[in-house]
C-alpha atoms as a PDB file:
ATOM      1  CA  MET A   1      20.404   5.417   4.289  1.00  0.00           C
ATOM      2  CA  LEU A   2      20.686   2.244   2.147  1.00  0.00           C
ATOM      3  CA  PHE A   3      17.002   1.576   2.770  1.00  0.00           C
ATOM      4  CA  LEU A   4      16.178   4.961   1.369  1.00  0.00           C
ATOM      5  CA  VAL A   5      18.182   4.408  -1.732  1.00  0.00           C
ATOM      6  CA  ALA A   6      16.586   0.913  -2.253  1.00  0.00           C
ATOM      7  CA  ALA A   7      13.085   2.432  -1.637  1.00  0.00           C
ATOM      8  CA  LEU A   8      13.729   5.146  -4.191  1.00  0.00           C
ATOM      9  CA  MET A   9      14.947   2.691  -6.781  1.00  0.00           C
ATOM     10  CA  LEU A  10      11.932   0.444  -6.282  1.00  0.00           C
ATOM     11  CA  LEU A  11       9.632   3.521  -6.601  1.00  0.00           C
ATOM     12  CA  GLY A  12      11.411   4.322 -10.009  1.00  0.00           C
ATOM     13  CA  VAL A  13      10.802   0.822 -11.224  1.00  0.00           C
ATOM     14  CA  VAL A  14       7.155   0.804 -10.089  1.00  0.00           C
ATOM     15  CA  LEU A  15       6.384   4.283 -11.676  1.00  0.00           C
ATOM     16  CA  GLY A  16       8.061   3.161 -14.914  1.00  0.00           C
ATOM     17  CA  THR A  17       6.001   0.015 -15.002  1.00  0.00           C
ATOM     18  CA  VAL A  18       2.890   1.928 -14.449  1.00  0.00           C
ATOM     19  CA  ALA A  19       3.660   4.535 -17.170  1.00  0.00           C
ATOM     20  CA  HIS A  20       3.636   1.664 -19.761  1.00  0.00           C
ATOM     21  CA  ALA A  21       0.717  -0.380 -18.423  1.00  0.00           C
ATOM     22  CA  PRO A  22      -2.903   0.289 -19.881  1.00  0.00           C
ATOM     23  CA  LEU A  23      -5.221   2.619 -17.939  1.00  0.00           C
ATOM     24  CA  ASP A  24      -7.496  -0.228 -17.063  1.00  0.00           C
ATOM     25  CA  VAL A  25      -4.805  -2.299 -15.547  1.00  0.00           C
ATOM     26  CA  THR A  26      -3.427   0.654 -13.539  1.00  0.00           C
ATOM     27  CA  ALA A  27      -6.798   1.487 -12.194  1.00  0.00           C
ATOM     28  CA  GLY A  28      -7.565  -2.023 -11.328  1.00  0.00           C
ATOM     29  CA  LEU A  29      -4.272  -2.425  -9.496  1.00  0.00           C
ATOM     30  CA  ALA A  30      -4.859   0.882  -7.700  1.00  0.00           C
ATOM     31  CA  ALA A  31      -8.212  -0.237  -6.562  1.00  0.00           C
ATOM     32  CA  VAL A  32      -6.819  -3.553  -5.241  1.00  0.00           C
ATOM     33  CA  ILE A  33      -4.115  -1.759  -3.276  1.00  0.00           C
ATOM     34  CA  ALA A  34      -6.636   0.748  -1.929  1.00  0.00           C
ATOM     35  CA  VAL A  35      -8.899  -2.170  -0.671  1.00  0.00           C
ATOM     36  CA  TRP A  36      -5.864  -3.912   0.864  1.00  0.00           C
ATOM     37  CA  LEU A  37      -4.824  -0.668   2.727  1.00  0.00           C
ATOM     38  CA  ALA A  38      -8.411  -0.058   3.900  1.00  0.00           C
ATOM     39  CA  VAL A  39      -8.710  -3.579   5.305  1.00  0.00           C
ATOM     40  CA  PHE A  40      -5.328  -3.257   6.983  1.00  0.00           C
ATOM     41  CA  ALA A  41      -6.253   0.040   8.572  1.00  0.00           C
ATOM     42  CA  LEU A  42      -9.627  -1.343   9.720  1.00  0.00           C
ATOM     43  CA  ARG A  43      -7.894  -4.394  11.232  1.00  0.00           C
ATOM     44  CA  GLU A  44      -5.300  -2.177  13.072  1.00  0.00           C
ATOM     45  CA  ARG A  45      -8.072   0.046  14.474  1.00  0.00           C
ATOM     46  CA  LEU A  46      -9.999  -2.927  15.763  1.00  0.00           C
ATOM     47  CA  ALA A  47      -6.948  -4.393  17.279  1.00  0.00           C
ATOM     48  CA  ARG A  48      -6.085  -1.200  19.122  1.00  0.00           C
ATOM     49  CA  ARG A  49      -9.651  -0.901  20.399  1.00  0.00           C
ATOM     50  CA  ARG A  50      -9.531  -4.487  21.860  1.00  0.00           C
ATOM     51  CA  HIS A  51      -6.188  -3.890  23.381  1.00  0.00           C
ATOM     52  CA  THR A  52      -7.110  -0.511  24.875  1.00  0.00           C
ATOM     53  CA  SER A  53     -10.372  -1.776  26.368  1.00  0.00           C
ATOM     54  CA  ALA A  54      -8.608  -4.897  27.993  1.00  0.00           C
ATOM     55  CA  ASN A  55      -6.274  -2.609  30.095  1.00  0.00           C
END
């Protein structure tokens, strides 16, 4: 429960920061996060394929 409260507080801080940031900065950071998540997903998928084929 404490984790949920902390996550909601952090979300509020981040959304408040984005609301005051210029659109270019917001779009740039969103693109960086999207690339980061895509790379993470690709690495996880490749790791699962290697792990599954080894068994």
